[in-house]
PDB file of N, CA and C in Angstrom:
ATOM      1  N   UNK A   1      82.923 136.487 102.324  1.00  0.00           N
ATOM      2  CA  UNK A   1      83.960 137.053 101.492  1.00  0.00           C
ATOM      3  C   UNK A   1      83.572 136.987 100.022  1.00  0.00           C
ATOM      4  N   UNK A   2      82.889 135.930  99.626  1.00  0.00           N
ATOM      5  CA  UNK A   2      82.475 135.829  98.219  1.00  0.00           C
ATOM      6  C   UNK A   2      81.561 136.977  97.831  1.00  0.00           C
ATOM      7  N   UNK A   3      80.633 137.329  98.702  1.00  0.00           N
ATOM      8  CA  UNK A   3      79.722 138.448  98.414  1.00  0.00           C
ATOM      9  C   UNK A   3      80.487 139.763  98.340  1.00  0.00           C
ATOM     10  N   UNK A   4      81.432 139.962  99.224  1.00  0.00           N
ATOM     11  CA  UNK A   4      82.253 141.181  99.173  1.00  0.00           C
ATOM     12  C   UNK A   4      83.035 141.245  97.875  1.00  0.00           C
ATOM     13  N   UNK A   5      83.569 140.107  97.424  1.00  0.00           N
ATOM     14  CA  UNK A   5      84.285 140.058  96.145  1.00  0.00           C
ATOM     15  C   UNK A   5      83.355 140.417  94.989  1.00  0.00           C
ATOM     16  N   UNK A   6      82.111 139.916  95.007  1.00  0.00           N
ATOM     17  CA  UNK A   6      81.156 140.241  93.932  1.00  0.00           C
ATOM     18  C   UNK A   6      80.837 141.734  93.902  1.00  0.00           C
ATOM     19  N   UNK A   7      80.663 142.322  95.067  1.00  0.00           N
ATOM     20  CA  UNK A   7      80.396 143.763  95.119  1.00  0.00           C
ATOM     21  C   UNK A   7      81.566 144.556  94.551  1.00  0.00           C
ATOM     22  N   UNK A   8      82.765 144.171  94.945  1.00  0.00           N
ATOM     23  CA  UNK A   8      83.963 144.873  94.482  1.00  0.00           C
ATOM     24  C   UNK A   8      84.141 144.727  92.976  1.00  0.00           C
ATOM     25  N   UNK A   9      83.915 143.530  92.461  1.00  0.00           N
ATOM     26  CA  UNK A   9      84.021 143.291  91.019  1.00  0.00           C
ATOM     27  C   UNK A   9      83.008 144.106  90.241  1.00  0.00           C
ATOM     28  N   UNK A  10      81.876 144.416  90.857  1.00  0.00           N
ATOM     29  CA  UNK A  10      80.847 145.230  90.215  1.00  0.00           C
ATOM     30  C   UNK A  10      81.127 146.717  90.317  1.00  0.00           C
ATOM     31  N   UNK A  11      82.306 147.101  90.812  1.00  0.00           N
ATOM     32  CA  UNK A  11      82.689 148.501  90.881  1.00  0.00           C
ATOM     33  C   UNK A  11      82.314 149.182  92.188  1.00  0.00           C
ATOM     34  N   UNK A  12      81.834 148.425  93.155  1.00  0.00           N
ATOM     35  CA  UNK A  12      81.444 149.005  94.438  1.00  0.00           C
ATOM     36  C   UNK A  12      82.658 149.114  95.357  1.00  0.00           C
ATOM     37  N   UNK A  13      82.681 150.149  96.171  1.00  0.00           N
ATOM     38  CA  UNK A  13      83.699 150.285  97.207  1.00  0.00           C
ATOM     39  C   UNK A  13      83.211 149.513  98.428  1.00  0.00           C
ATOM     40  N   UNK A  14      84.084 148.712  99.002  1.00  0.00           N
ATOM     41  CA  UNK A  14      83.717 147.871 100.134  1.00  0.00           C
ATOM     42  C   UNK A  14      84.659 148.168 101.293  1.00  0.00           C
ATOM     43  N   UNK A  15      84.070 148.451 102.461  1.00  0.00           N
ATOM     44  CA  UNK A  15      84.857 148.662 103.672  1.00  0.00           C
ATOM     45  C   UNK A  15      84.547 147.571 104.670  1.00  0.00           C
ATOM     46  N   UNK A  16      85.548 147.155 105.411  1.00  0.00           N
ATOM     47  CA  UNK A  16      85.372 146.059 106.351  1.00  0.00           C
ATOM     48  C   UNK A  16      86.257 146.303 107.561  1.00  0.00           C
ATOM     49  N   UNK A  17      85.697 146.145 108.737  1.00  0.00           N
ATOM     50  CA  UNK A  17      86.464 146.245 109.973  1.00  0.00           C
ATOM     51  C   UNK A  17      86.480 144.859 110.586  1.00  0.00           C
ATOM     52  N   UNK A  18      87.672 144.304 110.780  1.00  0.00           N
ATOM     53  CA  UNK A  18      87.727 142.945 111.310  1.00  0.00           C
ATOM     54  C   UNK A  18      89.041 142.682 112.018  1.00  0.00           C
ATOM     55  N   UNK A  19      88.955 141.856 113.038  1.00  0.00           N
ATOM     56  CA  UNK A  19      90.137 141.356 113.729  1.00  0.00           C
ATOM     57  C   UNK A  19      90.278 139.860 113.474  1.00  0.00           C
ATOM     58  N   UNK A  20      89.495 139.341 112.528  1.00  0.00           N
ATOM     59  CA  UNK A  20      89.502 137.916 112.225  1.00  0.00           C
ATOM     60  C   UNK A  20      90.653 137.623 111.272  1.00  0.00           C
ATOM     61  N   UNK A  21      91.571 136.765 111.690  1.00  0.00           N
ATOM     62  CA  UNK A  21      92.779 136.507 110.902  1.00  0.00           C
ATOM     63  C   UNK A  21      92.477 135.934 109.519  1.00  0.00           C
ATOM     64  N   UNK A  22      91.431 135.102 109.387  1.00  0.00           N
ATOM     65  CA  UNK A  22      91.099 134.533 108.083  1.00  0.00           C
ATOM     66  C   UNK A  22      90.703 135.614 107.081  1.00  0.00           C
ATOM     67  N   UNK A  23      90.019 136.650 107.544  1.00  0.00           N
ATOM     68  CA  UNK A  23      89.657 137.750 106.647  1.00  0.00           C
ATOM     69  C   UNK A  23      90.885 138.561 106.278  1.00  0.00           C
ATOM     70  N   UNK A  24      91.766 138.807 107.227  1.00  0.00           N
ATOM     71  CA  UNK A  24      92.992 139.563 106.939  1.00  0.00           C
ATOM     72  C   UNK A  24      93.836 138.878 105.872  1.00  0.00           C
ATOM     73  N   UNK A  25      93.795 137.547 105.827  1.00  0.00           N
ATOM     74  CA  UNK A  25      94.573 136.813 104.827  1.00  0.00           C
ATOM     75  C   UNK A  25      94.050 137.039 103.415  1.00  0.00           C
ATOM     76  N   UNK A  26      92.760 137.342 103.256  1.00  0.00           N
ATOM     77  CA  UNK A  26      92.155 137.508 101.929  1.00  0.00           C
ATOM     78  C   UNK A  26      92.073 138.955 101.482  1.00  0.00           C
ATOM     79  N   UNK A  27      92.293 139.898 102.368  1.00  0.00           N
ATOM     80  CA  UNK A  27      92.204 141.312 102.033  1.00  0.00           C
ATOM     81  C   UNK A  27      93.615 141.837 101.812  1.00  0.00           C
ATOM     82  N   UNK A  28      93.850 142.425 100.640  1.00  0.00           N
ATOM     83  CA  UNK A  28      95.203 142.804 100.258  1.00  0.00           C
ATOM     84  C   UNK A  28      95.626 144.203 100.682  1.00  0.00           C
ATOM     85  N   UNK A  29      94.687 145.109 100.895  1.00  0.00           N
ATOM     86  CA  UNK A  29      95.041 146.477 101.256  1.00  0.00           C
ATOM     87  C   UNK A  29      94.150 146.949 102.382  1.00  0.00           C
ATOM     88  N   UNK A  30      94.678 147.844 103.201  1.00  0.00           N
ATOM     89  CA  UNK A  30      93.856 148.294 104.310  1.00  0.00           C
ATOM     90  C   UNK A  30      94.386 149.535 105.001  1.00  0.00           C
ATOM     91  N   UNK A  31      93.651 149.950 105.996  1.00  0.00           N
ATOM     92  CA  UNK A  31      93.997 151.084 106.849  1.00  0.00           C
ATOM     93  C   UNK A  31      94.004 150.565 108.272  1.00  0.00           C
ATOM     94  N   UNK A  32      95.081 150.837 108.988  1.00  0.00           N
ATOM     95  CA  UNK A  32      95.175 150.407 110.374  1.00  0.00           C
ATOM     96  C   UNK A  32      95.287 151.646 111.259  1.00  0.00           C
ATOM     97  N   UNK A  33      94.470 151.720 112.301  1.00  0.00           N
ATOM     98  CA  UNK A  33      94.462 152.859 113.218  1.00  0.00           C
ATOM     99  C   UNK A  33      95.236 152.477 114.469  1.00  0.00           C
ATOM    100  N   UNK A  34      96.169 153.354 114.848  1.00  0.00           N
ATOM    101  CA  UNK A  34      96.994 153.129 116.028  1.00  0.00           C
ATOM    102  C   UNK A  34      96.667 154.204 117.055  1.00  0.00           C
ATOM    103  N   UNK A  35      96.246 153.790 118.230  1.00  0.00           N
ATOM    104  CA  UNK A  35      95.920 154.732 119.299  1.00  0.00           C
ATOM    105  C   UNK A  35      97.151 154.937 120.177  1.00  0.00           C
ATOM    106  N   UNK A  36      97.443 156.205 120.478  1.00  0.00           N
ATOM    107  CA  UNK A  36      98.537 156.535 121.385  1.00  0.00           C
ATOM    108  C   UNK A  36      98.018 157.498 122.440  1.00  0.00           C
ATOM    109  N   UNK A  37      98.834 157.793 123.429  1.00  0.00           N
ATOM    110  CA  UNK A  37      98.415 158.733 124.462  1.00  0.00           C
ATOM    111  C   UNK A  37      98.328 160.165 123.944  1.00  0.00           C
ATOM    112  N   UNK A  38      98.898 160.439 122.765  1.00  0.00           N
ATOM    113  CA  UNK A  38      98.854 161.777 122.173  1.00  0.00           C
ATOM    114  C   UNK A  38      97.851 161.877 121.032  1.00  0.00           C
ATOM    115  N   UNK A  39      97.078 160.820 120.808  1.00  0.00           N
ATOM    116  CA  UNK A  39      96.099 160.817 119.721  1.00  0.00           C
ATOM    117  C   UNK A  39      96.276 159.582 118.852  1.00  0.00           C
ATOM    118  N   UNK A  40      95.533 159.511 117.784  1.00  0.00           N
ATOM    119  CA  UNK A  40      95.581 158.357 116.891  1.00  0.00           C
ATOM    120  C   UNK A  40      96.280 158.715 115.594  1.00  0.00           C
ATOM    121  N   UNK A  41      96.863 157.707 114.945  1.00  0.00           N
ATOM    122  CA  UNK A  41      97.408 157.885 113.601  1.00  0.00           C
ATOM    123  C   UNK A  41      97.094 156.628 112.805  1.00  0.00           C
ATOM    124  N   UNK A  42      97.200 156.728 111.491  1.00  0.00           N
ATOM    125  CA  UNK A  42      96.843 155.614 110.624  1.00  0.00           C
ATOM    126  C   UNK A  42      98.021 155.177 109.772  1.00  0.00           C
ATOM    127  N   UNK A  43      97.985 153.911 109.370  1.00  0.00           N
ATOM    128  CA  UNK A  43      98.912 153.360 108.375  1.00  0.00           C
ATOM    129  C   UNK A  43      98.047 152.866 107.228  1.00  0.00           C
ATOM    130  N   UNK A  44      98.458 153.170 106.010  1.00  0.00           N
ATOM    131  CA  UNK A  44      97.720 152.755 104.826  1.00  0.00           C
ATOM    132  C   UNK A  44      98.664 151.958 103.936  1.00  0.00           C
ATOM    133  N   UNK A  45      98.188 150.810 103.456  1.00  0.00           N
ATOM    134  CA  UNK A  45      99.013 150.019 102.552  1.00  0.00           C
ATOM    135  C   UNK A  45      98.585 148.582 102.506  1.00  0.00           C
ATOM    136  N   UNK A  46      99.483 147.771 101.972  1.00  0.00           N
ATOM    137  CA  UNK A  46      99.208 146.340 101.910  1.00  0.00           C
ATOM    138  C   UNK A  46      99.142 145.785 103.314  1.00  0.00           C
ATOM    139  N   UNK A  47      98.248 144.842 103.539  1.00  0.00           N
ATOM    140  CA  UNK A  47      98.055 144.271 104.864  1.00  0.00           C
ATOM    141  C   UNK A  47      99.375 143.723 105.404  1.00  0.00           C
ATOM    142  N   UNK A  48     100.190 143.106 104.569  1.00  0.00           N
ATOM    143  CA  UNK A  48     101.457 142.549 105.053  1.00  0.00           C
ATOM    144  C   UNK A  48     102.403 143.635 105.553  1.00  0.00           C
ATOM    145  N   UNK A  49     102.240 144.862 105.064  1.00  0.00           N
ATOM    146  CA  UNK A  49     103.079 145.980 105.502  1.00  0.00           C
ATOM    147  C   UNK A  49     102.583 146.611 106.788  1.00  0.00           C
ATOM    148  N   UNK A  50     101.289 146.440 107.120  1.00  0.00           N
ATOM    149  CA  UNK A  50     100.707 147.114 108.260  1.00  0.00           C
ATOM    150  C   UNK A  50     101.005 146.437 109.535  1.00  0.00           C
TER     151      UNK A  50
END
């Protein structure tokens, strides 16, 4: 996480896919994909809202 923070502070865009709860606690915004029988949809926002 420290390295990801350094990249972000340097103006880099950082993407991360994780199901690890410790990482979710440190990441403030995200995109969540929901699969349904009619296709997928996404939610975008603060992790606590997703």
